[in-house]
Amino acid sequence: MDSKALSKKMKAAGLGRLRWYCQVCERQMRDENGFKCHTQTEAHVRAMLLVGENQKKFLSDYSRQFQNDFMKQLRTAHGEKKVHVNHFYQEYINDKQHIHMNATRWSSLTEFAKHLGREGLCRVEENEKGVHIAWIDNSPEALRRQDAARKKERQDRGDEEREQKLIEAQIKKANEIQKAKDAAKETERAKEEAAKAEAKGTDEPENAEGDIPNPPEPGQKMSFSFSRQKFSMAKKPTITAAPAQEKSKIKNVFASGGKKRKAAAVEEEPKKKMSEAERIMRAEMDRKRVRAV
């Protein structure tokens, strides 16, 4: 590569302006003057004459190629994940040799995204953040996987429905059993109450009001009949207030016990031995007492 080609390549680094790109010749010019000079060249004029002969054919070819390249990169880069359409388009145009949108039949990226949604190639969602697209896998393998997933989901749903019906049947049966038990308890309680009432009725006298006869009709003699009932005529003993007596003094058990203990202690004390002087004095006193008698 000579120095002139290398210089052009270095100057052409990065993306150029879209309006200075010639799709027919596939050349990118660096400024407006270069693009103007390119349009006046013989090669460009001949290429445009060929395009002018069948414009629809070239337009449809560029559109189809642009769509294929766009979908291929979307499938390989993001798969079925949702992505913002403008962010993905920036990834797509990084390739300098890509088909530019101004050579296609779509005037804007939003219109192209709507076309993909109408064709069923992508899922298109528009919200406050902008337009988002996601690739739809329509391959036979993907369709088989989706069909298998749907069958499994239906089977699981059927199993859940059967389990739900079985649970409902068990609940219904349990409610019926509980109702039968409650009815049996009510019947048994009613029988017990009837038996208690019957037993209570036999214990009471036939006429609780003392067998008082009904008043006689006019023109009939009144007859009295008394039932054999025993009445206790004993007078109740009258309670007379007794004269107040002096309350006896309450003996102190502990005091008496203490005195007894003291007496016993005195009795139990051993007799002291008398000294010789006391013995002589006592004998002298006894002799005097005898003489006095």
C-alpha atoms as a PDB file:
ATOM      1  CA  MET A   1       0.000   0.000   0.000  1.00  0.00           C
ATOM      2  CA  ASP A   2       1.468   3.303  -1.063  1.00  0.00           C
ATOM      3  CA  SER A   3       1.606   6.395   1.118  1.00  0.00           C
ATOM      4  CA  LYS A   4      -1.376   8.026  -0.588  1.00  0.00           C
ATOM      5  CA  ALA A   5      -3.698   5.041   0.065  1.00  0.00           C
ATOM      6  CA  LEU A   6      -2.452   4.807   3.643  1.00  0.00           C
ATOM      7  CA  SER A   7      -3.137   8.502   4.155  1.00  0.00           C
ATOM      8  CA  LYS A   8      -6.669   8.130   2.830  1.00  0.00           C
ATOM      9  CA  LYS A   9      -7.304   5.149   5.048  1.00  0.00           C
ATOM     10  CA  MET A  10      -6.136   7.008   8.138  1.00  0.00           C
ATOM     11  CA  LYS A  11      -8.307   9.991   7.253  1.00  0.00           C
ATOM     12  CA  ALA A  12     -11.283   7.721   6.663  1.00  0.00           C
ATOM     13  CA  ALA A  13     -11.052   6.220  10.174  1.00  0.00           C
ATOM     14  CA  GLY A  14     -14.426   6.251  11.865  1.00  0.00           C
ATOM     15  CA  LEU A  15     -17.859   6.716  10.403  1.00  0.00           C
ATOM     16  CA  GLY A  16     -18.520   9.390   7.844  1.00  0.00           C
ATOM     17  CA  ARG A  17     -21.583  11.483   7.271  1.00  0.00           C
ATOM     18  CA  LEU A  18     -24.499   9.535   5.848  1.00  0.00           C
ATOM     19  CA  ARG A  19     -25.343  12.198   3.268  1.00  0.00           C
ATOM     20  CA  TRP A  20     -21.811  11.970   1.842  1.00  0.00           C
ATOM     21  CA  TYR A  21     -22.075   8.208   1.224  1.00  0.00           C
ATOM     22  CA  CYS A  22     -22.841   6.822  -2.255  1.00  0.00           C
ATOM     23  CA  GLN A  23     -24.590   3.470  -1.935  1.00  0.00           C
ATOM     24  CA  VAL A  24     -24.480   2.704  -5.642  1.00  0.00           C
ATOM     25  CA  CYS A  25     -20.704   3.106  -5.789  1.00  0.00           C
ATOM     26  CA  GLU A  26     -20.274   2.100  -2.106  1.00  0.00           C
ATOM     27  CA  ARG A  27     -17.932   5.005  -1.398  1.00  0.00           C
ATOM     28  CA  GLN A  28     -17.775   7.360   1.580  1.00  0.00           C
ATOM     29  CA  MET A  29     -16.662  10.940   0.976  1.00  0.00           C
ATOM     30  CA  ARG A  30     -15.161  13.091   3.728  1.00  0.00           C
ATOM     31  CA  ASP A  31     -16.864  16.382   2.873  1.00  0.00           C
ATOM     32  CA  GLU A  32     -19.452  17.963   0.656  1.00  0.00           C
ATOM     33  CA  ASN A  33     -16.949  18.973  -2.027  1.00  0.00           C
ATOM     34  CA  GLY A  34     -15.693  15.404  -2.361  1.00  0.00           C
ATOM     35  CA  PHE A  35     -19.236  14.061  -2.715  1.00  0.00           C
ATOM     36  CA  LYS A  36     -19.990  16.686  -5.393  1.00  0.00           C
ATOM     37  CA  CYS A  37     -16.911  15.738  -7.353  1.00  0.00           C
ATOM     38  CA  HIS A  38     -17.822  12.046  -7.066  1.00  0.00           C
ATOM     39  CA  THR A  39     -21.258  12.591  -8.544  1.00  0.00           C
ATOM     40  CA  GLN A  40     -19.679  14.163 -11.624  1.00  0.00           C
ATOM     41  CA  THR A  41     -17.384  11.242 -12.340  1.00  0.00           C
ATOM     42  CA  GLU A  42     -18.018   8.971 -15.304  1.00  0.00           C
ATOM     43  CA  ALA A  43     -18.232   5.796 -13.188  1.00  0.00           C
ATOM     44  CA  HIS A  44     -20.932   7.246 -10.981  1.00  0.00           C
ATOM     45  CA  VAL A  45     -22.918   8.496 -13.974  1.00  0.00           C
ATOM     46  CA  ARG A  46     -22.879   5.067 -15.635  1.00  0.00           C
ATOM     47  CA  ALA A  47     -23.958   3.358 -12.369  1.00  0.00           C
ATOM     48  CA  MET A  48     -26.824   5.788 -11.960  1.00  0.00           C
ATOM     49  CA  LEU A  49     -27.949   5.172 -15.528  1.00  0.00           C
ATOM     50  CA  LEU A  50     -28.169   1.453 -14.775  1.00  0.00           C
ATOM     51  CA  VAL A  51     -30.174   2.145 -11.612  1.00  0.00           C
ATOM     52  CA  GLY A  52     -32.483   4.479 -13.538  1.00  0.00           C
ATOM     53  CA  GLU A  53     -33.437   1.703 -15.923  1.00  0.00           C
ATOM     54  CA  ASN A  54     -35.006  -0.402 -13.097  1.00  0.00           C
ATOM     55  CA  GLN A  55     -35.286   1.591  -9.890  1.00  0.00           C
ATOM     56  CA  LYS A  56     -37.760  -0.741  -8.151  1.00  0.00           C
ATOM     57  CA  LYS A  57     -35.484  -3.730  -8.579  1.00  0.00           C
ATOM     58  CA  PHE A  58     -32.483  -1.991  -7.000  1.00  0.00           C
ATOM     59  CA  LEU A  59     -34.664  -0.539  -4.229  1.00  0.00           C
ATOM     60  CA  SER A  60     -36.160  -3.915  -3.320  1.00  0.00           C
ATOM     61  CA  ASP A  61     -32.714  -5.564  -3.429  1.00  0.00           C
ATOM     62  CA  TYR A  62     -31.207  -3.007  -1.060  1.00  0.00           C
ATOM     63  CA  SER A  63     -34.222  -3.237   1.254  1.00  0.00           C
ATOM     64  CA  ARG A  64     -34.083  -7.038   1.385  1.00  0.00           C
ATOM     65  CA  GLN A  65     -30.347  -7.052   2.035  1.00  0.00           C
ATOM     66  CA  PHE A  66     -30.660  -4.402   4.750  1.00  0.00           C
ATOM     67  CA  GLN A  67     -33.418  -6.400   6.481  1.00  0.00           C
ATOM     68  CA  ASN A  68     -31.471  -9.673   6.290  1.00  0.00           C
ATOM     69  CA  ASP A  69     -28.301  -8.129   7.714  1.00  0.00           C
ATOM     70  CA  PHE A  70     -30.256  -6.346  10.430  1.00  0.00           C
ATOM     71  CA  MET A  71     -32.106  -9.505  11.537  1.00  0.00           C
ATOM     72  CA  LYS A  72     -28.954 -11.642  11.377  1.00  0.00           C
ATOM     73  CA  GLN A  73     -27.054  -9.336  13.713  1.00  0.00           C
ATOM     74  CA  LEU A  74     -30.061  -8.996  16.016  1.00  0.00           C
ATOM     75  CA  ARG A  75     -30.396 -12.793  16.266  1.00  0.00           C
ATOM     76  CA  THR A  76     -26.691 -13.394  16.922  1.00  0.00           C
ATOM     77  CA  ALA A  77     -26.108 -10.443  19.246  1.00  0.00           C
ATOM     78  CA  HIS A  78     -29.230 -10.416  21.429  1.00  0.00           C
ATOM     79  CA  GLY A  79     -31.312 -13.483  20.578  1.00  0.00           C
ATOM     80  CA  GLU A  80     -34.868 -13.214  21.905  1.00  0.00           C
ATOM     81  CA  LYS A  81     -33.904 -10.534  24.439  1.00  0.00           C
ATOM     82  CA  LYS A  82     -35.611  -7.151  24.210  1.00  0.00           C
ATOM     83  CA  VAL A  83     -33.383  -4.228  23.109  1.00  0.00           C
ATOM     84  CA  HIS A  84     -33.853  -0.558  22.263  1.00  0.00           C
ATOM     85  CA  VAL A  85     -33.996  -0.123  18.492  1.00  0.00           C
ATOM     86  CA  ASN A  86     -31.763   2.986  18.385  1.00  0.00           C
ATOM     87  CA  HIS A  87     -29.080   1.345  20.537  1.00  0.00           C
ATOM     88  CA  PHE A  88     -29.046  -1.712  18.317  1.00  0.00           C
ATOM     89  CA  TYR A  89     -28.885   0.395  15.139  1.00  0.00           C
ATOM     90  CA  GLN A  90     -25.718   2.035  16.482  1.00  0.00           C
ATOM     91  CA  GLU A  91     -24.221  -1.462  16.752  1.00  0.00           C
ATOM     92  CA  TYR A  92     -25.353  -2.292  13.216  1.00  0.00           C
ATOM     93  CA  ILE A  93     -23.806   0.746  11.508  1.00  0.00           C
ATOM     94  CA  ASN A  94     -20.380   0.105  13.088  1.00  0.00           C
ATOM     95  CA  ASP A  95     -19.648  -1.911   9.965  1.00  0.00           C
ATOM     96  CA  LYS A  96     -18.678   0.559   7.246  1.00  0.00           C
ATOM     97  CA  GLN A  97     -19.790  -1.798   4.483  1.00  0.00           C
ATOM     98  CA  HIS A  98     -23.374  -2.068   5.732  1.00  0.00           C
ATOM     99  CA  ILE A  99     -26.374  -1.195   3.590  1.00  0.00           C
ATOM    100  CA  HIS A 100     -27.476   2.314   4.495  1.00  0.00           C
ATOM    101  CA  MET A 101     -31.105   2.979   5.248  1.00  0.00           C
ATOM    102  CA  ASN A 102     -31.343   5.874   2.799  1.00  0.00           C
ATOM    103  CA  ALA A 103     -30.968   3.307   0.009  1.00  0.00           C
ATOM    104  CA  THR A 104     -34.023   1.333   1.210  1.00  0.00           C
ATOM    105  CA  ARG A 105     -37.749   1.967   1.009  1.00  0.00           C
ATOM    106  CA  TRP A 106     -37.968   2.912   4.717  1.00  0.00           C
ATOM    107  CA  SER A 107     -37.531   6.552   5.529  1.00  0.00           C
ATOM    108  CA  SER A 108     -36.988   6.121   9.310  1.00  0.00           C
ATOM    109  CA  LEU A 109     -35.947   3.520  11.845  1.00  0.00           C
ATOM    110  CA  THR A 110     -39.329   3.635  13.603  1.00  0.00           C
ATOM    111  CA  GLU A 111     -41.102   2.827  10.339  1.00  0.00           C
ATOM    112  CA  PHE A 112     -38.717  -0.098   9.801  1.00  0.00           C
ATOM    113  CA  ALA A 113     -39.413  -1.421  13.329  1.00  0.00           C
ATOM    114  CA  LYS A 114     -43.168  -1.261  12.694  1.00  0.00           C
ATOM    115  CA  HIS A 115     -42.635  -3.197   9.455  1.00  0.00           C
ATOM    116  CA  LEU A 116     -40.806  -5.936  11.391  1.00  0.00           C
ATOM    117  CA  GLY A 117     -43.685  -6.129  13.843  1.00  0.00           C
ATOM    118  CA  ARG A 118     -46.307  -6.395  11.102  1.00  0.00           C
ATOM    119  CA  GLU A 119     -44.348  -9.167   9.375  1.00  0.00           C
ATOM    120  CA  GLY A 120     -44.100 -11.129  12.649  1.00  0.00           C
ATOM    121  CA  LEU A 121     -40.303 -11.092  12.623  1.00  0.00           C
ATOM    122  CA  CYS A 122     -39.940  -9.170  15.874  1.00  0.00           C
ATOM    123  CA  ARG A 123     -41.941  -8.260  18.932  1.00  0.00           C
ATOM    124  CA  VAL A 124     -42.225  -4.484  18.986  1.00  0.00           C
ATOM    125  CA  GLU A 125     -43.100  -2.551  22.152  1.00  0.00           C
ATOM    126  CA  GLU A 126     -43.326   1.213  22.465  1.00  0.00           C
ATOM    127  CA  ASN A 127     -43.229   2.926  25.860  1.00  0.00           C
ATOM    128  CA  GLU A 128     -42.021   6.169  27.422  1.00  0.00           C
ATOM    129  CA  LYS A 129     -38.377   5.109  26.851  1.00  0.00           C
ATOM    130  CA  GLY A 130     -38.854   4.525  23.139  1.00  0.00           C
ATOM    131  CA  VAL A 131     -39.309   1.596  20.771  1.00  0.00           C
ATOM    132  CA  HIS A 132     -37.999  -1.835  21.832  1.00  0.00           C
ATOM    133  CA  ILE A 133     -37.670  -4.883  19.590  1.00  0.00           C
ATOM    134  CA  ALA A 134     -37.062  -8.585  20.269  1.00  0.00           C
ATOM    135  CA  TRP A 135     -36.343 -11.329  17.741  1.00  0.00           C
ATOM    136  CA  ILE A 136     -38.951 -14.070  17.308  1.00  0.00           C
ATOM    137  CA  ASP A 137     -37.504 -17.534  16.693  1.00  0.00           C
ATOM    138  CA  ASN A 138     -39.619 -19.145  13.935  1.00  0.00           C
ATOM    139  CA  SER A 139     -37.262 -22.022  13.179  1.00  0.00           C
ATOM    140  CA  PRO A 140     -38.679 -25.593  13.087  1.00  0.00           C
ATOM    141  CA  GLU A 141     -36.702 -26.568  16.186  1.00  0.00           C
ATOM    142  CA  ALA A 142     -38.031 -23.575  18.094  1.00  0.00           C
ATOM    143  CA  LEU A 143     -41.567 -24.386  16.994  1.00  0.00           C
ATOM    144  CA  ARG A 144     -41.135 -27.969  18.210  1.00  0.00           C
ATOM    145  CA  ARG A 145     -39.839 -26.726  21.545  1.00  0.00           C
ATOM    146  CA  GLN A 146     -42.752 -24.329  21.887  1.00  0.00           C
ATOM    147  CA  ASP A 147     -45.220 -27.081  21.006  1.00  0.00           C
ATOM    148  CA  ALA A 148     -43.685 -29.414  23.603  1.00  0.00           C
ATOM    149  CA  ALA A 149     -43.790 -26.641  26.213  1.00  0.00           C
ATOM    150  CA  ARG A 150     -47.456 -25.956  25.467  1.00  0.00           C
ATOM    151  CA  LYS A 151     -48.303 -29.667  25.741  1.00  0.00           C
ATOM    152  CA  LYS A 152     -46.504 -29.913  29.073  1.00  0.00           C
ATOM    153  CA  GLU A 153     -48.304 -26.800  30.317  1.00  0.00           C
ATOM    154  CA  ARG A 154     -51.681 -28.254  29.283  1.00  0.00           C
ATOM    155  CA  GLN A 155     -50.809 -31.549  30.989  1.00  0.00           C
ATOM    156  CA  ASP A 156     -49.781 -29.768  34.177  1.00  0.00           C
ATOM    157  CA  ARG A 157     -52.939 -27.684  34.055  1.00  0.00           C
ATOM    158  CA  GLY A 158     -55.014 -30.869  33.593  1.00  0.00           C
ATOM    159  CA  ASP A 159     -53.277 -32.506  36.554  1.00  0.00           C
ATOM    160  CA  GLU A 160     -53.934 -29.423  38.663  1.00  0.00           C
ATOM    161  CA  GLU A 161     -57.598 -29.415  37.643  1.00  0.00           C
ATOM    162  CA  ARG A 162     -57.959 -33.099  38.532  1.00  0.00           C
ATOM    163  CA  GLU A 163     -56.298 -32.544  41.891  1.00  0.00           C
ATOM    164  CA  GLN A 164     -58.545 -29.544  42.527  1.00  0.00           C
ATOM    165  CA  LYS A 165     -61.669 -31.577  41.700  1.00  0.00           C
ATOM    166  CA  LEU A 166     -60.492 -34.412  43.965  1.00  0.00           C
ATOM    167  CA  ILE A 167     -59.901 -31.991  46.830  1.00  0.00           C
ATOM    168  CA  GLU A 168     -63.328 -30.409  46.316  1.00  0.00           C
ATOM    169  CA  ALA A 169     -64.961 -33.875  46.361  1.00  0.00           C
ATOM    170  CA  GLN A 170     -63.175 -34.745  49.606  1.00  0.00           C
ATOM    171  CA  ILE A 171     -64.247 -31.452  51.182  1.00  0.00           C
ATOM    172  CA  LYS A 172     -67.858 -32.052  50.113  1.00  0.00           C
ATOM    173  CA  LYS A 173     -67.821 -35.580  51.552  1.00  0.00           C
ATOM    174  CA  ALA A 174     -66.333 -34.356  54.837  1.00  0.00           C
ATOM    175  CA  ASN A 175     -69.048 -31.671  55.083  1.00  0.00           C
ATOM    176  CA  GLU A 176     -71.785 -34.264  54.522  1.00  0.00           C
ATOM    177  CA  ILE A 177     -70.326 -36.535  57.227  1.00  0.00           C
ATOM    178  CA  GLN A 178     -70.140 -33.608  59.640  1.00  0.00           C
ATOM    179  CA  LYS A 179     -73.751 -32.662  58.905  1.00  0.00           C
ATOM    180  CA  ALA A 180     -74.871 -36.255  59.566  1.00  0.00           C
ATOM    181  CA  LYS A 181     -72.991 -36.267  62.888  1.00  0.00           C
ATOM    182  CA  ASP A 182     -74.555 -32.946  63.894  1.00  0.00           C
ATOM    183  CA  ALA A 183     -78.061 -34.253  63.029  1.00  0.00           C
ATOM    184  CA  ALA A 184     -77.472 -37.404  65.112  1.00  0.00           C
ATOM    185  CA  LYS A 185     -76.308 -35.309  68.057  1.00  0.00           C
ATOM    186  CA  GLU A 186     -79.381 -33.080  67.788  1.00  0.00           C
ATOM    187  CA  THR A 187     -81.697 -36.130  67.730  1.00  0.00           C
ATOM    188  CA  GLU A 188     -79.968 -37.657  70.752  1.00  0.00           C
ATOM    189  CA  ARG A 189     -80.154 -34.381  72.653  1.00  0.00           C
ATOM    190  CA  ALA A 190     -83.871 -34.047  71.863  1.00  0.00           C
ATOM    191  CA  LYS A 191     -84.503 -37.600  73.148  1.00  0.00           C
ATOM    192  CA  GLU A 192     -82.613 -36.882  76.383  1.00  0.00           C
ATOM    193  CA  GLU A 193     -84.562 -33.668  76.946  1.00  0.00           C
ATOM    194  CA  ALA A 194     -87.870 -35.514  76.341  1.00  0.00           C
ATOM    195  CA  ALA A 195     -86.877 -38.255  78.825  1.00  0.00           C
ATOM    196  CA  LYS A 196     -85.915 -35.655  81.451  1.00  0.00           C
ATOM    197  CA  ALA A 197     -89.207 -33.807  80.980  1.00  0.00           C
ATOM    198  CA  GLU A 198     -91.181 -37.071  81.327  1.00  0.00           C
ATOM    199  CA  ALA A 199     -89.324 -38.024  84.505  1.00  0.00           C
ATOM    200  CA  LYS A 200     -89.888 -34.591  85.960  1.00  0.00           C
ATOM    201  CA  GLY A 201     -93.636 -34.772  85.169  1.00  0.00           C
ATOM    202  CA  THR A 202     -94.105 -38.055  87.081  1.00  0.00           C
ATOM    203  CA  ASP A 203     -92.458 -36.628  90.228  1.00  0.00           C
ATOM    204  CA  GLU A 204     -94.804 -33.574  90.444  1.00  0.00           C
ATOM    205  CA  PRO A 205     -98.395 -33.881  91.898  1.00  0.00           C
ATOM    206  CA  GLU A 206    -101.233 -34.105  89.441  1.00  0.00           C
ATOM    207  CA  ASN A 207    -102.705 -30.786  90.508  1.00  0.00           C
ATOM    208  CA  ALA A 208    -100.026 -28.351  91.541  1.00  0.00           C
ATOM    209  CA  GLU A 209    -102.595 -25.857  92.824  1.00  0.00           C
ATOM    210  CA  GLY A 210    -103.778 -28.055  95.749  1.00  0.00           C
ATOM    211  CA  ASP A 211    -106.662 -29.888  93.998  1.00  0.00           C
ATOM    212  CA  ILE A 212    -108.911 -26.842  94.053  1.00  0.00           C
ATOM    213  CA  PRO A 213    -112.231 -27.878  92.411  1.00  0.00           C
ATOM    214  CA  ASN A 214    -113.668 -25.940  89.558  1.00  0.00           C
ATOM    215  CA  PRO A 215    -116.575 -23.642  90.446  1.00  0.00           C
ATOM    216  CA  PRO A 216    -120.017 -25.409  90.094  1.00  0.00           C
ATOM    217  CA  GLU A 217    -122.345 -24.524  87.355  1.00  0.00           C
ATOM    218  CA  PRO A 218    -125.560 -22.635  88.277  1.00  0.00           C
ATOM    219  CA  GLY A 219    -128.235 -24.957  89.792  1.00  0.00           C
ATOM    220  CA  GLN A 220    -125.775 -27.549  91.081  1.00  0.00           C
ATOM    221  CA  LYS A 221    -124.857 -28.223  94.708  1.00  0.00           C
ATOM    222  CA  MET A 222    -121.354 -27.564  95.760  1.00  0.00           C
ATOM    223  CA  SER A 223    -119.510 -30.575  97.143  1.00  0.00           C
ATOM    224  CA  PHE A 224    -116.130 -30.491  98.669  1.00  0.00           C
ATOM    225  CA  SER A 225    -113.585 -33.243  98.608  1.00  0.00           C
ATOM    226  CA  PHE A 226    -110.241 -33.038 100.224  1.00  0.00           C
ATOM    227  CA  SER A 227    -107.260 -35.045  99.219  1.00  0.00           C
ATOM    228  CA  ARG A 228    -105.522 -37.035 101.801  1.00  0.00           C
ATOM    229  CA  GLN A 229    -102.617 -34.889 102.569  1.00  0.00           C
ATOM    230  CA  LYS A 230    -100.802 -34.783 105.838  1.00  0.00           C
ATOM    231  CA  PHE A 231    -100.290 -31.402 107.322  1.00  0.00           C
ATOM    232  CA  SER A 232     -97.905 -30.931 110.203  1.00  0.00           C
ATOM    233  CA  MET A 233     -99.741 -28.881 112.886  1.00  0.00           C
ATOM    234  CA  ALA A 234     -96.884 -28.825 115.321  1.00  0.00           C
ATOM    235  CA  LYS A 235     -96.038 -25.415 116.430  1.00  0.00           C
ATOM    236  CA  LYS A 236     -92.652 -24.230 115.748  1.00  0.00           C
ATOM    237  CA  PRO A 237     -90.717 -23.714 118.970  1.00  0.00           C
ATOM    238  CA  THR A 238     -90.408 -20.060 119.903  1.00  0.00           C
ATOM    239  CA  ILE A 239     -86.973 -18.848 120.472  1.00  0.00           C
ATOM    240  CA  THR A 240     -86.701 -16.780 123.688  1.00  0.00           C
ATOM    241  CA  ALA A 241     -83.738 -14.661 124.352  1.00  0.00           C
ATOM    242  CA  ALA A 242     -81.825 -15.990 127.384  1.00  0.00           C
ATOM    243  CA  PRO A 243     -80.606 -13.472 129.970  1.00  0.00           C
ATOM    244  CA  ALA A 244     -77.188 -12.354 129.339  1.00  0.00           C
ATOM    245  CA  GLN A 245     -74.762 -14.256 131.467  1.00  0.00           C
ATOM    246  CA  GLU A 246     -71.404 -13.170 132.463  1.00  0.00           C
ATOM    247  CA  LYS A 247     -68.884 -14.578 130.215  1.00  0.00           C
ATOM    248  CA  SER A 248     -66.753 -17.109 131.937  1.00  0.00           C
ATOM    249  CA  LYS A 249     -63.193 -16.222 132.114  1.00  0.00           C
ATOM    250  CA  ILE A 250     -61.138 -17.980 129.547  1.00  0.00           C
ATOM    251  CA  LYS A 251     -58.573 -20.174 131.181  1.00  0.00           C
ATOM    252  CA  ASN A 252     -55.068 -19.616 130.098  1.00  0.00           C
ATOM    253  CA  VAL A 253     -53.881 -23.102 129.388  1.00  0.00           C
ATOM    254  CA  PHE A 254     -50.327 -21.997 129.030  1.00  0.00           C
ATOM    255  CA  ALA A 255     -50.365 -20.108 132.383  1.00  0.00           C
ATOM    256  CA  SER A 256     -51.680 -23.107 134.320  1.00  0.00           C
ATOM    257  CA  GLY A 257     -49.204 -25.329 132.627  1.00  0.00           C
ATOM    258  CA  GLY A 258     -46.426 -23.009 133.689  1.00  0.00           C
ATOM    259  CA  LYS A 259     -47.565 -23.104 137.338  1.00  0.00           C
ATOM    260  CA  LYS A 260     -47.673 -26.896 137.359  1.00  0.00           C
ATOM    261  CA  ARG A 261     -44.247 -27.031 135.875  1.00  0.00           C
ATOM    262  CA  LYS A 262     -42.950 -24.617 138.580  1.00  0.00           C
ATOM    263  CA  ALA A 263     -44.556 -26.705 141.384  1.00  0.00           C
ATOM    264  CA  ALA A 264     -43.103 -29.869 140.012  1.00  0.00           C
ATOM    265  CA  ALA A 265     -39.734 -28.185 139.817  1.00  0.00           C
ATOM    266  CA  VAL A 266     -40.027 -27.096 143.455  1.00  0.00           C
ATOM    267  CA  GLU A 267     -41.020 -30.604 144.530  1.00  0.00           C
ATOM    268  CA  GLU A 268     -38.268 -32.163 142.605  1.00  0.00           C
ATOM    269  CA  GLU A 269     -35.640 -29.933 144.200  1.00  0.00           C
ATOM    270  CA  PRO A 270     -33.497 -32.171 146.502  1.00  0.00           C
ATOM    271  CA  LYS A 271     -33.420 -31.389 150.241  1.00  0.00           C
ATOM    272  CA  LYS A 272     -30.359 -29.441 151.253  1.00  0.00           C
ATOM    273  CA  LYS A 273     -28.099 -31.004 153.849  1.00  0.00           C
ATOM    274  CA  MET A 274     -28.216 -29.159 157.209  1.00  0.00           C
ATOM    275  CA  SER A 275     -25.035 -27.955 158.705  1.00  0.00           C
ATOM    276  CA  GLU A 276     -24.031 -28.933 162.270  1.00  0.00           C
ATOM    277  CA  ALA A 277     -24.881 -25.507 163.672  1.00  0.00           C
ATOM    278  CA  GLU A 278     -28.326 -25.538 162.052  1.00  0.00           C
ATOM    279  CA  ARG A 279     -28.975 -29.038 163.396  1.00  0.00           C
ATOM    280  CA  ILE A 280     -28.073 -27.925 166.987  1.00  0.00           C
ATOM    281  CA  MET A 281     -30.266 -24.823 166.709  1.00  0.00           C
ATOM    282  CA  ARG A 282     -33.204 -26.837 165.429  1.00  0.00           C
ATOM    283  CA  ALA A 283     -32.861 -29.404 168.241  1.00  0.00           C
ATOM    284  CA  GLU A 284     -32.767 -26.588 170.801  1.00  0.00           C
ATOM    285  CA  MET A 285     -35.938 -25.089 169.345  1.00  0.00           C
ATOM    286  CA  ASP A 286     -37.686 -28.476 169.498  1.00  0.00           C
ATOM    287  CA  ARG A 287     -36.778 -28.875 173.214  1.00  0.00           C
ATOM    288  CA  LYS A 288     -38.133 -25.398 173.991  1.00  0.00           C
ATOM    289  CA  ARG A 289     -41.366 -26.182 172.150  1.00  0.00           C
ATOM    290  CA  VAL A 290     -41.779 -29.401 174.172  1.00  0.00           C
ATOM    291  CA  ARG A 291     -41.163 -27.620 177.481  1.00  0.00           C
ATOM    292  CA  ALA A 292     -43.695 -24.958 176.633  1.00  0.00           C
ATOM    293  CA  VAL A 293     -46.328 -27.635 176.009  1.00  0.00           C
END
